Protein backbone atom coordinates (compact mmCIF):
# COMPACT_ATOMS: atom_id res chain seq x y z
CA MET A 1 0.00 0.00 0.00
CA GLY A 2 1.18 3.52 -0.72
CA ALA A 3 3.83 2.67 -3.35
CA PRO A 4 4.47 5.65 -5.68
CA ALA A 5 5.10 3.38 -8.68
CA TYR A 6 5.32 -0.22 -9.87
CA GLN A 7 7.60 -2.06 -12.23
CA ALA A 8 6.16 -4.78 -14.49
CA GLN A 9 8.11 -7.26 -16.61
CA PHE A 10 6.76 -9.23 -19.56
CA SER A 11 8.14 -12.46 -20.99
CA ALA A 12 7.03 -14.75 -23.81
CA ASP A 13 7.77 -17.72 -21.53
CA ASP A 14 7.75 -18.27 -17.77
CA THR A 15 11.50 -17.71 -17.39
CA PHE A 16 12.43 -14.05 -16.98
CA THR A 17 15.79 -12.55 -18.01
CA PRO A 18 17.20 -8.98 -17.89
CA ALA A 19 16.54 -8.78 -21.64
CA ASP A 20 12.77 -9.08 -21.19
CA ALA A 21 10.75 -5.86 -21.47
CA THR A 22 10.04 -3.85 -18.31
CA TYR A 23 7.51 -1.08 -17.74
CA LEU A 24 7.33 1.62 -15.03
CA ILE A 25 3.72 2.21 -13.94
CA ALA A 26 2.92 5.32 -11.92
CA ALA A 27 0.48 5.01 -9.01
CA PRO A 28 -2.44 4.90 -8.54
CA GLN A 29 -2.62 2.81 -11.75
CA THR A 30 -2.44 -0.91 -10.93
CA SER A 31 -2.81 -2.48 -14.39
CA HIS A 32 -0.82 -2.71 -17.61
CA ARG A 33 -1.64 -3.85 -21.16
CA VAL A 34 1.02 -5.27 -23.51
CA GLU A 35 0.07 -4.24 -27.09
CA ASN A 36 0.80 -5.47 -30.64
CA LEU A 37 1.29 -9.15 -29.86
CA PRO A 38 0.78 -11.79 -32.59
CA ASP A 39 -2.43 -13.80 -32.62
CA ASN A 40 -2.51 -16.90 -30.39
CA THR A 41 0.62 -15.90 -28.44
CA ALA A 42 1.35 -16.88 -24.81
CA GLY A 43 2.73 -14.28 -22.37
CA TYR A 44 3.67 -13.92 -18.70
CA LEU A 45 3.77 -10.87 -16.42
CA ARG A 46 5.18 -10.19 -12.96
CA VAL A 47 5.18 -6.95 -10.93
CA ARG A 48 6.91 -5.34 -7.95
CA SER A 49 6.59 -2.02 -6.13
CA ALA A 50 9.13 0.76 -6.73
CA GLY A 51 10.14 3.13 -3.92
CA GLU A 52 11.40 6.74 -4.20
CA ALA A 53 15.08 6.45 -3.19
CA SER A 54 16.04 8.54 -6.23
CA LEU A 55 15.14 8.82 -9.86
CA THR A 56 18.13 6.69 -10.85
CA ASN A 57 18.27 4.32 -7.86
CA ARG A 58 14.81 3.10 -6.89
CA LEU A 59 14.14 0.63 -4.11
CA PHE A 60 12.21 -2.39 -5.38
CA SER A 61 10.24 -5.05 -3.53
CA ASP A 62 10.39 -8.75 -4.36
CA TRP A 63 8.69 -9.85 -7.57
CA SER A 64 5.11 -11.02 -7.38
CA GLU A 65 3.91 -14.41 -8.57
CA VAL A 66 3.87 -14.84 -12.35
CA VAL A 67 0.53 -14.48 -14.16
CA GLY A 68 0.12 -16.08 -17.58
CA GLY A 69 -2.22 -15.36 -20.46
CA SER A 70 -2.54 -15.61 -24.22
CA THR A 71 -3.98 -13.77 -27.18
CA THR A 72 -6.78 -15.41 -29.10
CA ASP A 73 -7.10 -16.71 -32.61
CA PRO A 74 -8.04 -13.99 -35.10
CA ALA A 75 -11.74 -13.57 -35.60
CA VAL A 76 -13.19 -14.81 -38.87
CA ALA A 77 -14.14 -12.02 -41.27
CA LEU A 78 -17.62 -11.95 -42.76
CA ASP A 79 -17.89 -12.38 -46.51
CA THR A 80 -17.30 -9.23 -48.54
CA PRO A 81 -20.52 -7.70 -49.93
CA GLN A 82 -20.88 -8.46 -53.64
CA GLU A 83 -22.66 -6.84 -56.59
CA LEU A 84 -22.70 -3.26 -55.31
CA ARG A 85 -24.84 -1.47 -57.89
CA THR A 86 -26.84 1.70 -58.50
CA THR A 87 -30.57 1.66 -59.25
CA ASP A 88 -31.48 5.34 -59.48
CA LEU A 89 -29.48 8.49 -60.16
CA GLY A 90 -30.85 11.85 -59.05
CA GLU A 91 -29.25 15.28 -59.13
CA ASP A 92 -28.56 15.10 -55.38
CA SER A 93 -28.94 11.38 -54.61
CA ILE A 94 -27.78 7.91 -55.69
CA SER A 95 -29.58 4.68 -54.75
CA LEU A 96 -27.34 1.71 -53.94
CA LEU A 97 -28.10 -2.01 -53.60
CA TRP A 98 -25.88 -5.03 -52.83
CA ASP A 99 -26.28 -8.75 -52.14
CA PRO A 100 -26.95 -9.84 -48.52
CA VAL A 101 -24.11 -11.25 -46.38
CA SER A 102 -24.79 -14.14 -44.00
CA GLY A 103 -24.26 -13.13 -40.36
CA ALA A 104 -24.34 -9.38 -41.02
CA GLY A 105 -26.06 -7.30 -38.35
CA PHE A 106 -25.74 -4.08 -40.33
CA TYR A 107 -23.68 -2.50 -43.12
CA GLU A 108 -21.40 0.52 -43.25
CA VAL A 109 -21.46 2.63 -46.44
CA GLU A 110 -18.73 5.11 -47.36
CA GLN A 111 -18.38 7.59 -50.22
CA ARG A 112 -15.87 9.97 -51.72
CA ALA A 113 -15.77 12.36 -54.65
CA PRO A 114 -12.91 11.37 -57.01
CA ASP A 115 -12.72 14.94 -58.26
CA GLY A 116 -12.28 16.27 -54.71
CA ASP A 117 -9.95 15.42 -51.82
CA ASN A 118 -10.26 11.65 -52.39
CA GLU A 119 -10.87 10.92 -48.69
CA TRP A 120 -13.43 8.28 -47.71
CA GLY A 121 -16.21 9.40 -45.40
CA GLY A 122 -19.55 8.09 -44.20
CA ALA A 123 -22.38 8.18 -46.73
CA GLY A 124 -25.59 10.05 -45.92
CA CYS A 125 -28.05 7.15 -46.20
CA GLU A 126 -31.67 8.30 -46.00
CA GLY A 127 -33.36 7.35 -42.71
CA ALA A 128 -30.22 5.84 -41.12
CA ASP A 129 -28.86 6.85 -37.70
CA PRO A 130 -25.92 7.18 -37.84
CA SER A 131 -26.29 8.01 -41.50
CA HIS A 132 -23.63 5.59 -42.80
CA ARG A 133 -25.04 2.48 -41.07
CA VAL A 134 -28.00 0.60 -42.55
CA GLU A 135 -29.62 -2.66 -41.49
CA SER A 136 -30.85 -3.66 -44.98
CA GLU A 137 -28.94 -4.08 -48.23
CA GLU A 138 -29.89 -0.63 -49.51
CA CYS A 139 -28.72 2.97 -49.11
CA VAL A 140 -30.17 6.08 -50.73
CA ALA A 141 -27.21 8.47 -50.44
CA ARG A 142 -28.43 12.07 -50.33
CA GLY A 143 -26.88 15.52 -50.11
CA LEU A 144 -24.73 15.02 -53.22
CA ASP A 145 -23.69 17.61 -55.80
CA SER A 146 -25.30 17.65 -59.22
CA GLY A 147 -23.32 16.25 -62.16
CA THR A 148 -20.49 14.97 -59.93
CA ASN A 149 -18.55 11.70 -59.85
CA TYR A 150 -18.74 9.67 -56.63
CA ASP A 151 -17.22 6.40 -55.40
CA PHE A 152 -19.07 4.14 -52.97
CA ARG A 153 -18.08 1.06 -50.99
CA VAL A 154 -19.78 -1.09 -48.35
CA ARG A 155 -18.77 -3.65 -45.72
CA ALA A 156 -20.69 -6.03 -43.49
CA VAL A 157 -20.51 -5.83 -39.67
CA PRO A 158 -21.56 -8.89 -37.62
CA SER A 159 -24.45 -8.79 -35.18
CA ASP A 160 -22.53 -11.13 -32.85
CA MET A 161 -18.85 -10.20 -32.50
CA ASP A 162 -17.98 -13.53 -30.82
CA GLY A 163 -15.58 -15.13 -33.28
CA TYR A 164 -16.41 -12.80 -36.16
CA ARG A 165 -15.28 -9.41 -37.37
CA GLU A 166 -16.34 -6.97 -40.07
CA SER A 167 -15.78 -7.90 -43.70
CA ALA A 168 -13.35 -6.32 -46.12
CA TRP A 169 -14.67 -3.35 -48.09
CA SER A 170 -16.46 -4.21 -51.30
CA ALA A 171 -15.16 -3.31 -54.72
CA THR A 172 -15.61 0.41 -55.37
CA ARG A 173 -18.68 1.45 -57.35
CA GLU A 174 -18.09 4.49 -59.54
CA THR A 175 -21.12 6.54 -60.54
CA ARG A 176 -22.25 10.08 -61.28
CA THR A 177 -25.24 12.11 -60.20
CA ALA A 178 -27.58 13.48 -62.83
CA GLY A 179 -27.19 17.02 -64.12
CA ALA A 180 -24.64 18.89 -66.16
CA GLY A 181 -22.19 19.58 -63.36
CA THR A 182 -19.17 21.79 -63.86
CA ARG A 183 -16.51 21.10 -66.48
CA PRO A 184 -13.57 23.19 -67.65
CA THR A 185 -14.54 25.91 -70.10
CA GLU A 186 -13.74 25.54 -73.79
CA PRO A 187 -11.81 28.15 -75.79
CA THR A 188 -14.05 30.96 -77.00
CA THR A 189 -11.78 31.74 -79.95
CA GLY A 190 -11.60 29.71 -83.12
CA ALA A 191 -14.41 31.09 -85.33
CA MET A 192 -16.09 34.34 -86.30
CA GLY A 193 -18.44 35.79 -88.92
CA ASN A 194 -22.00 35.69 -90.20
CA LEU A 195 -21.69 32.47 -92.19
CA ASN A 196 -21.60 30.22 -89.10
CA VAL A 197 -18.63 28.18 -90.23
CA ARG A 198 -18.31 24.81 -88.49
CA TRP A 199 -16.05 21.83 -89.01
CA THR A 200 -15.38 18.20 -88.23
CA SER A 201 -12.33 16.03 -88.92
CA ASP A 202 -11.48 12.36 -89.18
CA ALA A 203 -8.63 10.26 -90.54
CA ASP A 204 -9.35 11.53 -94.07
CA GLY A 205 -9.00 15.23 -93.22
CA ILE A 206 -11.08 18.27 -92.33
CA MET A 207 -14.55 19.19 -93.58
CA TRP A 208 -15.83 22.77 -93.20
CA THR A 209 -19.45 23.79 -93.87
CA TRP A 210 -21.20 27.15 -93.69
CA ASP A 211 -24.67 28.64 -94.06
CA ARG A 212 -26.15 29.34 -97.48
CA VAL A 213 -27.01 32.94 -98.40
CA VAL A 214 -29.82 33.27 -100.97
CA GLY A 215 -28.48 34.27 -104.39
CA ALA A 216 -24.84 34.31 -103.27
CA SER A 217 -21.71 32.42 -104.25
CA TYR A 218 -18.51 32.17 -102.22
CA ASP A 219 -14.78 32.74 -102.22
CA TYR A 220 -12.71 30.69 -99.81
CA ALA A 221 -9.12 29.92 -98.90
CA ILE A 222 -7.62 27.11 -96.81
CA VAL A 223 -4.48 28.27 -95.03
CA THR A 224 -2.01 25.68 -93.69
CA GLY A 225 1.64 25.15 -92.75
CA GLY A 226 3.99 28.12 -92.69
CA ASN A 227 1.31 30.50 -93.99
CA LEU A 228 -0.80 30.18 -90.86
CA PRO A 229 -1.21 33.47 -88.97
CA ARG A 230 -0.91 33.73 -85.21
CA ARG A 231 -3.68 31.78 -83.52
CA GLY A 232 -4.78 34.79 -81.49
CA SER A 233 -4.92 37.20 -84.43
CA SER A 234 -8.06 39.35 -84.53
CA ASP A 235 -8.02 39.30 -88.37
CA PRO A 236 -6.38 36.01 -89.38
CA CYS A 237 -7.70 36.29 -92.96
CA ALA A 238 -6.00 39.62 -93.74
CA ASP A 239 -3.32 37.97 -95.91
CA ALA A 240 -5.35 35.01 -97.18
CA ILE A 241 -5.08 34.27 -100.92
CA TYR A 242 -8.49 33.17 -102.20
CA GLU A 243 -7.96 30.46 -104.83
CA GLN A 244 -11.53 29.15 -104.83
CA LEU A 245 -13.68 31.92 -106.31
CA ASP A 246 -17.38 32.26 -107.09
CA VAL A 247 -18.30 28.71 -106.00
CA ALA A 248 -21.83 27.60 -105.25
CA ASN A 249 -21.00 24.84 -102.74
CA THR A 250 -21.21 25.57 -99.02
CA TYR A 251 -18.47 23.18 -97.96
CA ALA A 252 -14.71 22.78 -98.32
CA GLU A 253 -12.34 19.85 -97.74
CA GLY A 254 -8.62 19.84 -97.11
CA GLY A 255 -6.01 20.68 -94.58
CA ALA A 256 -2.50 19.29 -94.81
CA GLY A 257 -1.00 19.34 -91.32
CA PRO A 258 -2.50 19.18 -87.86
CA VAL A 259 -4.05 22.70 -87.96
CA ALA A 260 -5.76 24.59 -90.80
CA LEU A 261 -7.69 27.83 -91.19
CA LEU A 262 -10.66 28.38 -93.51
CA CYS A 263 -11.45 31.95 -94.65
CA VAL A 264 -14.73 32.34 -96.58
CA ARG A 265 -16.76 35.31 -97.88
CA THR A 266 -19.68 35.91 -100.18
CA ASN A 267 -18.48 36.78 -103.68
CA ASN A 268 -19.03 40.53 -104.25
CA PRO A 269 -16.68 42.47 -106.55
CA ASP A 270 -17.73 45.68 -104.84
CA ASP A 271 -17.09 44.42 -101.29
CA ASP A 272 -14.23 41.95 -100.87
CA SER A 273 -15.01 41.40 -97.16
CA GLU A 274 -18.76 40.81 -97.41
CA ASN A 275 -19.80 38.24 -94.77
CA LEU A 276 -16.14 37.40 -94.15
CA SER A 277 -16.01 34.44 -91.75
CA PHE A 278 -13.33 32.02 -90.57
CA ALA A 279 -12.84 28.90 -88.45
CA TRP A 280 -9.72 27.19 -87.13
CA ALA A 281 -9.79 23.40 -87.36
CA ALA A 282 -7.52 20.49 -86.36
CA THR A 283 -7.05 16.94 -87.52
CA PRO A 284 -7.50 14.16 -84.91
CA PRO A 285 -4.63 14.16 -82.39
CA SER A 286 -2.00 11.47 -82.11
CA PRO A 287 -3.35 8.51 -80.14
CA PRO A 288 -2.25 8.31 -76.50
CA ALA A 289 0.07 5.52 -75.43
CA VAL A 290 -1.24 2.46 -73.59
CA PRO A 291 -0.07 2.47 -69.94
CA GLU A 292 3.35 0.87 -69.68
CA ALA A 293 4.50 -1.02 -66.59
CA SER A 294 5.66 2.28 -65.11
CA GLY A 295 2.21 3.78 -65.77
CA VAL A 296 0.33 1.21 -63.69
CA SER A 297 0.14 1.76 -59.93
CA PRO A 298 1.00 -0.61 -58.46
CA ALA A 299 2.56 -2.84 -61.12
CA GLY A 300 0.23 -5.50 -62.47
CA ASP A 301 2.40 -8.32 -61.10
CA SER A 302 2.60 -6.89 -57.56
CA ALA A 303 -0.25 -9.03 -56.17
CA LYS A 304 -2.15 -5.87 -55.27
CA ALA A 305 -5.27 -4.29 -56.71
CA THR A 306 -4.66 -1.72 -59.44
CA ARG A 307 -5.23 1.81 -58.12
CA ALA A 308 -4.37 3.97 -61.15
CA LEU A 309 -3.58 3.88 -64.88
CA THR A 310 -1.55 6.57 -66.66
CA TRP A 311 -1.65 7.24 -70.42
CA THR A 312 1.19 9.28 -71.89
CA GLY A 313 2.30 10.87 -75.17
CA ILE A 314 -0.76 13.11 -75.56
CA GLU A 315 -0.32 16.25 -77.70
CA VAL A 316 -2.73 19.19 -77.87
CA GLU A 317 -2.61 21.95 -80.49
CA ALA A 318 -2.58 25.55 -79.28
CA GLY A 319 -5.97 27.23 -79.32
CA PHE A 320 -7.93 23.99 -78.92
CA ALA A 321 -9.55 22.23 -76.01
CA TYR A 322 -9.04 18.55 -75.33
CA GLU A 323 -11.62 16.15 -73.99
CA MET A 324 -11.09 12.63 -72.66
CA ASN A 325 -13.67 9.94 -72.03
CA VAL A 326 -13.07 6.43 -70.68
CA ILE A 327 -14.83 3.25 -71.74
CA ALA A 328 -14.85 0.56 -69.03
CA ASP A 329 -15.53 -3.15 -69.58
CA PRO A 330 -16.31 -4.94 -66.32
CA GLU A 331 -18.13 -7.87 -67.90
CA ARG A 332 -15.32 -10.48 -67.91
CA ARG A 333 -14.47 -9.88 -71.54
CA ASN A 334 -10.92 -9.01 -72.48
CA ASN A 335 -12.00 -6.19 -74.77
CA VAL A 336 -14.33 -3.23 -74.53
CA THR A 337 -16.97 -4.91 -76.69
CA PRO A 338 -16.88 -8.36 -78.26
CA ASP A 339 -16.01 -7.03 -81.74
CA ARG A 340 -13.62 -4.23 -80.69
CA PRO A 341 -15.48 -1.35 -82.35
CA THR A 342 -14.03 0.64 -85.21
CA GLY A 343 -15.35 3.48 -87.36
CA GLU A 344 -18.75 4.82 -86.34
CA ALA A 345 -19.17 2.15 -83.67
CA LEU A 346 -16.00 3.33 -81.94
CA GLN A 347 -17.11 6.97 -82.18
CA ARG A 348 -20.44 6.09 -80.56
CA ALA A 349 -18.76 4.04 -77.83
CA CYS A 350 -16.35 6.86 -77.00
CA SER A 351 -19.10 9.49 -76.98
CA ALA A 352 -21.10 7.34 -74.55
CA GLY A 353 -18.07 6.76 -72.31
CA ARG A 354 -17.56 8.25 -68.86
CA PHE A 355 -16.14 11.78 -68.78
CA HIS A 356 -12.57 11.72 -67.48
CA ASP A 357 -10.77 15.00 -68.13
CA SER A 358 -10.77 18.16 -70.25
CA GLY A 359 -8.79 21.37 -70.56
CA GLU A 360 -7.52 23.86 -73.09
CA ALA A 361 -4.15 24.92 -74.46
CA ASP A 362 -3.11 28.51 -75.15
CA GLY A 363 0.21 27.05 -76.36
CA PRO A 364 1.10 23.63 -77.74
CA LEU A 365 1.12 20.84 -75.15
CA THR A 366 3.48 17.94 -75.82
CA GLU A 367 3.89 14.68 -73.92
CA LEU A 368 0.83 15.44 -71.79
CA GLU A 369 -0.20 12.56 -69.54
CA THR A 370 -3.39 11.73 -67.71
CA THR A 371 -4.08 9.37 -64.81
CA LEU A 372 -7.30 7.49 -64.12
CA THR A 373 -7.72 6.68 -60.42
CA ARG A 374 -10.26 4.63 -58.48
CA VAL A 375 -10.35 1.88 -61.09
CA ALA A 376 -12.26 -1.38 -60.60
CA PRO A 377 -10.47 -4.76 -60.52
CA TYR A 378 -10.41 -7.08 -63.55
CA THR A 379 -11.74 -4.39 -65.87
CA GLY A 380 -10.59 -3.13 -69.25
CA TYR A 381 -10.20 0.64 -69.69
CA LEU A 382 -9.91 2.42 -73.03
CA LEU A 383 -9.02 6.11 -73.18
CA CYS A 384 -10.71 8.23 -75.87
CA LEU A 385 -9.24 11.64 -76.82
CA ARG A 386 -10.39 14.42 -79.13
CA LEU A 387 -9.75 18.13 -79.79
CA LYS A 388 -12.42 20.80 -80.13
CA ASN A 389 -13.21 24.50 -80.19
CA VAL A 390 -16.43 26.48 -80.49
CA ALA A 391 -16.72 25.69 -84.21
CA GLY A 392 -16.11 21.96 -84.33
CA VAL A 393 -14.59 18.76 -83.02
CA THR A 394 -12.28 16.01 -84.23
CA ASP A 395 -13.06 12.31 -84.25
CA TRP A 396 -12.18 10.40 -81.12
CA VAL A 397 -8.82 8.63 -81.15
CA THR A 398 -7.77 5.72 -78.95
CA PRO A 399 -4.40 4.04 -78.29
CA ASP A 400 -2.97 2.37 -81.39
CA GLY A 401 -4.77 -0.81 -82.30
CA ASN A 402 -7.76 0.19 -80.15
CA ALA A 403 -5.82 -1.27 -77.22
CA GLU A 404 -7.44 -1.15 -73.82
CA HIS A 405 -5.62 -1.78 -70.56
CA GLN A 406 -6.79 -4.41 -68.09
CA THR A 407 -6.47 -3.89 -64.35
CA ALA A 408 -5.40 -6.67 -61.99
CA PRO A 409 -8.10 -9.05 -60.72
CA GLY A 410 -9.65 -8.49 -57.33
CA ALA A 411 -9.21 -10.70 -54.28
CA PRO A 412 -11.17 -13.97 -54.59
CA ALA A 413 -13.75 -14.96 -52.02
CA ARG A 414 -12.13 -16.34 -48.88
CA PRO A 415 -11.80 -20.15 -49.19
CA ALA A 416 -14.40 -21.83 -46.96
CA ARG A 417 -14.12 -25.39 -45.65
CA ASN A 418 -16.80 -27.67 -47.04
CA ASN A 419 -17.73 -29.62 -43.91
CA GLU A 420 -20.04 -32.00 -45.76
CA ARG A 421 -17.38 -33.23 -48.18
CA SER A 422 -14.29 -32.93 -45.98
CA GLU A 423 -13.27 -36.02 -43.98
CA ASP A 424 -11.94 -35.67 -40.42
CA ASP A 425 -11.73 -39.25 -39.19
CA ARG A 426 -9.33 -39.29 -36.24
CA ASP A 427 -8.85 -43.04 -36.72
CA ALA A 428 -7.57 -42.52 -40.30
CA ASP A 429 -3.94 -41.78 -41.04
CA SER A 430 -4.77 -38.58 -42.94
CA GLU A 431 -7.36 -35.80 -43.03
CA LYS A 432 -9.10 -34.75 -46.24
CA ILE A 433 -9.84 -31.00 -46.46
CA ILE A 434 -12.00 -29.51 -49.22
CA TRP A 435 -12.22 -25.74 -49.58
CA ASP A 436 -14.84 -23.98 -51.74
CA ILE A 437 -13.93 -20.76 -53.57
CA GLU A 438 -16.92 -18.89 -55.00
CA THR A 439 -16.45 -17.02 -58.28
CA SER A 440 -20.00 -17.06 -59.62
CA GLY A 441 -21.43 -13.56 -59.89
CA ASN A 442 -18.13 -11.90 -59.03
CA VAL A 443 -17.18 -9.77 -62.04
CA HIS A 444 -13.86 -8.81 -60.45
CA VAL A 445 -12.21 -12.22 -60.76
CA PRO A 446 -11.96 -14.84 -63.55
CA ARG A 447 -14.20 -17.90 -63.56
CA GLU A 448 -12.06 -20.97 -64.30
CA PRO A 449 -9.84 -22.76 -61.75
CA GLY A 450 -6.92 -22.50 -64.18
CA ASP A 451 -7.02 -18.72 -63.75
CA PHE A 452 -6.04 -19.00 -60.08
CA ILE A 453 -2.83 -19.75 -58.21
CA LEU A 454 -3.39 -22.09 -55.26
CA ARG A 455 -0.88 -22.33 -52.44
CA VAL A 456 -0.98 -24.13 -49.11
CA ILE A 457 0.73 -23.03 -45.90
CA GLU A 458 1.39 -26.12 -43.78
CA HIS A 459 3.59 -26.24 -40.68
CA PRO A 460 3.70 -27.58 -37.10
CA ASP A 461 1.61 -25.71 -34.56
CA LYS A 462 4.64 -25.28 -32.28
CA ILE A 463 8.38 -24.98 -32.99
CA ASP A 464 11.60 -24.59 -31.06
CA ASP A 465 12.24 -21.02 -32.11
CA ASP A 466 14.31 -19.95 -29.10
CA GLY A 467 16.71 -22.90 -29.14
CA ASP A 468 15.83 -24.27 -25.70
CA ASN A 469 15.18 -27.77 -27.14
CA PHE A 470 11.48 -27.49 -26.29
CA HIS A 471 8.76 -27.08 -28.94
CA ASP A 472 6.98 -24.39 -26.95
CA ASP A 473 6.87 -21.45 -29.40
CA GLN A 474 3.48 -21.27 -31.10
CA VAL A 475 3.65 -20.36 -34.78
CA PRO A 476 1.61 -17.21 -35.58
CA ARG A 477 -1.51 -17.78 -37.67
CA PRO A 478 -0.78 -16.75 -41.27
CA SER A 479 -2.38 -13.76 -42.96
CA ALA A 480 -2.92 -13.11 -46.66
CA GLU A 481 0.43 -11.27 -46.78
CA ASP A 482 2.16 -14.50 -45.76
CA CYS A 483 0.94 -16.24 -48.93
CA ASP A 484 3.77 -14.64 -50.89
CA SER A 485 6.35 -14.90 -48.11
CA SER A 486 9.80 -16.43 -48.48
CA ASP A 487 9.00 -18.45 -45.34
CA PHE A 488 7.57 -21.08 -47.69
CA GLN A 489 11.18 -22.11 -48.21
CA SER A 490 11.98 -22.43 -44.49
CA ALA A 491 12.32 -25.71 -42.64
CA TYR A 492 8.97 -25.28 -40.88
CA TYR A 493 6.83 -24.72 -43.94
CA SER A 494 5.75 -26.86 -46.87
CA ASN A 495 3.60 -26.19 -49.90
CA PRO A 496 1.77 -29.40 -50.92
CA GLU A 497 -0.18 -29.49 -54.15
CA VAL A 498 -3.96 -29.21 -54.16
CA THR A 499 -6.44 -30.51 -56.70
CA PRO A 500 -8.90 -27.92 -58.11
CA ALA A 501 -12.29 -28.89 -59.54
CA LEU A 502 -15.09 -26.84 -61.09
CA THR A 503 -18.31 -26.45 -59.09
CA GLY A 504 -21.60 -24.70 -59.72
CA LEU A 505 -20.55 -21.65 -57.70
CA GLY A 506 -16.86 -21.60 -58.62
CA PHE A 507 -14.34 -24.29 -57.83
CA SER A 508 -13.07 -26.41 -54.98
CA ALA A 509 -9.58 -27.36 -53.81
CA THR A 510 -8.91 -30.77 -52.24
CA LEU A 511 -5.92 -31.56 -50.03
CA SER A 512 -5.05 -34.72 -48.11
CA ILE A 513 -2.83 -34.04 -45.07
CA PRO A 514 -1.09 -36.99 -43.34
CA ARG A 515 -1.65 -36.89 -39.61
CA PRO A 516 1.51 -35.90 -37.74
CA ILE A 517 3.68 -38.65 -36.24
CA GLY A 518 6.82 -38.58 -34.16
CA GLU A 519 7.05 -37.16 -30.68
CA LEU A 520 8.96 -33.99 -29.87
CA PRO A 521 9.94 -32.49 -26.49
CA VAL A 522 7.58 -29.77 -25.20
CA ALA A 523 7.81 -27.29 -22.34
CA SER A 524 6.15 -29.62 -19.85
CA GLY A 525 9.14 -31.96 -20.15
CA ARG A 526 7.17 -34.66 -21.97
CA ASP A 527 7.39 -35.76 -25.59
CA GLU A 528 4.26 -35.07 -27.64
CA VAL A 529 3.08 -35.19 -31.23
CA ILE A 530 2.69 -31.59 -32.39
CA PRO A 531 -0.50 -30.86 -34.44
CA VAL A 532 -0.17 -29.46 -37.96
CA ILE A 533 -1.97 -26.27 -39.03
CA VAL A 534 -3.00 -25.75 -42.66
CA SER A 535 -4.26 -22.73 -44.62
CA LEU A 536 -5.16 -22.36 -48.30
CA CYS A 537 -4.06 -19.28 -50.26
CA VAL A 538 -5.72 -18.34 -53.56
CA GLN A 539 -4.82 -15.60 -56.07
CA ALA A 540 -6.45 -14.64 -59.37
CA ARG A 541 -4.31 -14.12 -62.47
CA TYR A 542 -4.68 -13.74 -66.22
CA GLU A 543 -2.59 -13.02 -69.28
CA THR A 544 -3.02 -9.82 -71.30
CA GLY A 545 -1.09 -8.18 -74.08
CA GLY A 546 0.77 -6.24 -71.40
CA GLY A 547 1.82 -9.37 -69.46
CA GLU A 548 0.44 -11.31 -66.51
CA ARG A 549 -1.85 -9.56 -64.04
CA LEU A 550 -1.85 -10.84 -60.44
CA GLY A 551 -4.51 -9.86 -57.93
CA PRO A 552 -4.38 -9.79 -54.10
CA TRP A 553 -4.18 -13.04 -52.14
CA ALA A 554 -7.07 -14.40 -50.07
CA ILE A 555 -6.46 -16.95 -47.30
CA SER A 556 -8.69 -19.46 -45.54
CA ALA A 557 -9.14 -19.87 -41.82
CA VAL A 558 -6.60 -22.18 -40.18
CA GLU A 559 -7.41 -25.91 -40.13
CA THR A 560 -5.78 -28.07 -37.43
CA VAL A 561 -4.73 -31.64 -38.24
CA GLU A 562 -4.10 -33.72 -35.12
CA GLN A 563 -2.39 -37.06 -34.60
CA GLN A 564 -4.21 -40.31 -35.22
CA ARG A 565 -6.52 -41.28 -32.36
CA THR A 566 -5.08 -44.81 -32.04
CA GLN A 567 -1.59 -43.31 -31.64
CA SER A 568 -2.69 -40.86 -28.94
CA GLN A 569 -4.29 -43.49 -26.74
C-alpha cells in the first residue's frame, strides 16, 4: 500500500531474463496492457513495487507471482458484400443495392468524390442513424452535388462479435449524379463571322461547312503550314489568298497538317469582305500511349489491386480544347466490346463513355499525360481523346490498335471449408480437407480454376524457435500477406499441391494431409506429437497483351490436423 510506482516485466515464456521488457507504472494505476502481440501468443507478467530512493536508484520489492495469459485466434471475417450497384441516379442522390451477407447485423457505407480530396467518409443514407449504417442491403445516399462523380463502398458488420469481425470493403462502385455539373470551359476563340462556319475532322482530313445565303456564291481559302497566322490574331484572314472563287458549294475539304484555317466570304466584286467568316480546325490528335508497366500503380504483377492507370504521349494543339472519355468493360471480356469497335461504332462508344478530363491549351502541349484513379479490378479501360473548339470537333482517337488496358483481378472470395465433403476421421492416417472458392457472380475475378494460383501453408503448430530444445513457441496464424512470403522455403513450412475442380458456384480445392507422427519435447518436459496447421491461399491471375496480371491473395481460416486417435491413446 502507498507505493508511488510499480515495475512490471513481460516475458514470452515463464523464465524471466534482464533482456525481457520492463515497464514503469505510476500510481495509482495498478494495471498494464502489452500491445501489438501476434495472434494466439502466450505471455507472462510479474510486478513489484518501486520506492522513491532517487530517480536513478529506486528501491524495489520482491517480484510477485507470475501471471500467464494468451492472445486469441483472429476472428473470422464476414464475406465481402458483392454486386454493389446503383438503381437510381438523381441530381442530389444515388440509390445503392448489394447482395446480402450471411451473419451481417448491419452494413457501413462510405463515399468519396474522385474529383475532390479523395478521402473516404460516411455516406448520408436516408433514414439511417448514424447516416452511414443501414440494417438492410440498400442505401439512398443524399446531399450530393449535381453532375459529380462519386465512389461508394460497403462492408458487413456482424451482429454477434464472438468469433467474427467486419468484412473487407467491397469493390468500389463508380457513378455520377444526374445534371450537367461543372466542367472546364472551352476556348471561346476559333471562329467568327456571319456564315456560321463549323467543321469536323477524321482520318481523311477536315470538312468545313457554312450557311447558305440566298443568291450568293462564295470565295474561300484554306491556309495551312507556314502561312498560318498567329492563332490569337483578330483578323487572321488579312493575308489570305483566295484560290476558290465564285463557287456555289457551301463546304470545303482539305487541310495538310494538324491545324488549318478556312477563310470564306460571299463573292461581291464591290465588297471583298462581305460576310467574311473564318474557323480554325484540327485533324485528330496522335493517339495516347497504352499504360506501360511504369504507368500502372502498383505494377500488375505486384499481387495488389490496381489503383491507377496513366496514359502518356498526348499532344494538344494551341488554341484547342481537349476532352477525354473512358470506356470501361467490367463484364469479364478481355475487350471493350466483343467485336472491338471501329469506325462509327467506336465513335459512338467513346461518346457514350464516362467523362474523365478536359482542358484547353493557349500554347502547344506535348507529352501530356493523364491518370485514371479509383479503377475497378479485372476491368478493361480504353481512353478516348479528341480536340475541339467552339466551331467543331475532331473524331475520337484511342491508343494504337484500339488497345485497352486491363487492371489486376480483385481478391477472390475467402476459401471456406466444405464440412459435408471434408473427412476428419481421427482413426484414419490422414485428413481430407476440401475448400470452396466462389467465383460465380463476381465480375472482379476470372471464372475458371486454371485462372487462379493455389498455395498451401502447412507447418507444425509449435516450434523450437528460441533454441531451448522445447517445442513451446506457437507459430503465428498466417495472414494473406504470408501467402507470398519467403517463409515457404523455411524448414517449418511446406507447400503441398492441391487438386482444383469446377463447381456450380466456382471451384473447390482438395488436399489430403497426413496426420503428424513422431514425438517432440515440449515445455512440460514430456514428448508429444505436435498438431499441424494448414491454410489455403488463392490468387487470381490472367494473361493480357501487357503481361500477366496478379490480384491480391485471399487466405482461408486455419485448419488443425491432429495425430491419429489410435496413436494418442
